[in-house]
Protein backbone atom coordinates (compact mmCIF):
# COMPACT_ATOMS: atom_id res chain seq x y z
CA MET A 1 54.23 -25.82 -19.05
CA SER A 2 53.76 -29.29 -17.57
CA ARG A 3 54.52 -30.35 -13.99
CA ASP A 4 57.52 -32.35 -15.21
CA GLN A 5 58.86 -29.34 -17.11
CA LEU A 6 58.45 -27.12 -14.05
CA LEU A 7 60.24 -29.64 -11.84
CA GLU A 8 63.03 -30.02 -14.39
CA TYR A 9 63.34 -26.26 -14.87
CA THR A 10 63.68 -25.67 -11.13
CA LYS A 11 66.04 -28.67 -10.81
CA TYR A 12 63.81 -30.06 -8.07
CA ASP A 13 64.88 -33.55 -6.95
CA TYR A 14 62.52 -35.97 -8.67
CA LEU A 15 63.20 -38.74 -6.16
CA GLU A 16 61.92 -36.64 -3.28
CA SER A 17 59.12 -34.94 -5.16
CA ASP A 18 55.45 -35.65 -5.15
CA ASP A 19 53.24 -34.82 -8.13
CA ARG A 20 51.41 -32.35 -5.93
CA VAL A 21 54.46 -30.26 -4.98
CA VAL A 22 54.01 -28.17 -8.15
CA ASP A 23 50.28 -27.79 -7.48
CA VAL A 24 51.01 -26.46 -4.00
CA HIS A 25 53.52 -23.93 -5.32
CA ILE A 26 51.12 -22.82 -8.06
CA LYS A 27 48.36 -22.39 -5.46
CA ASN A 28 50.66 -20.25 -3.33
CA LEU A 29 51.73 -18.16 -6.33
CA ARG A 30 48.10 -17.59 -7.30
CA LYS A 31 47.28 -16.47 -3.76
CA LYS A 32 50.20 -14.02 -3.72
CA LEU A 33 49.28 -12.64 -7.14
CA ASP A 34 45.68 -12.14 -5.96
CA ASN A 35 46.88 -10.34 -2.83
CA PHE A 36 48.78 -7.86 -5.00
CA GLU A 37 45.85 -7.53 -7.41
CA SER A 38 48.23 -8.50 -10.19
CA ASP A 39 47.19 -8.65 -13.83
CA LEU A 40 49.19 -11.87 -14.17
CA LYS A 41 47.07 -14.99 -13.85
CA ILE A 42 48.19 -18.62 -13.80
CA LEU A 43 45.68 -20.84 -15.55
CA THR A 44 45.44 -24.61 -15.46
CA VAL A 45 45.42 -26.22 -18.89
CA ARG A 46 43.78 -29.56 -18.24
CA GLY A 47 45.92 -32.50 -19.32
CA LEU A 48 48.87 -30.25 -20.20
CA GLY A 49 49.96 -28.12 -17.26
CA TYR A 50 49.85 -24.39 -16.61
CA ARG A 51 49.76 -21.18 -18.59
CA ALA A 52 50.56 -17.64 -17.50
CA LEU A 53 48.21 -14.98 -18.81
CA TYR A 54 48.65 -11.24 -18.52
CA GLU A 55 45.68 -9.01 -19.16
CA GLU A 56 44.99 -5.54 -17.92
CA ASN A 57 41.27 -6.19 -17.49
CA PHE A 58 41.13 -9.90 -16.70
C-alpha cells in the first residue's frame, strides 16, 4: 500500500500532511509490534509503499 493510499484510507488531511507522517506512524507501529513479539511484520517495498507479512517463524 502506498503512502498516498494510506493517507486516503485514513482520511488524513492532505493539506496538512507531510510525506513523512506515514513513515513516522509505520515506525511506531513496527516498534509496538516488536515490543509484543508479534508475528506480523511491516515491510517496506521500495518505490511502492508497505506490505504486511505474517509468519510464525519470521
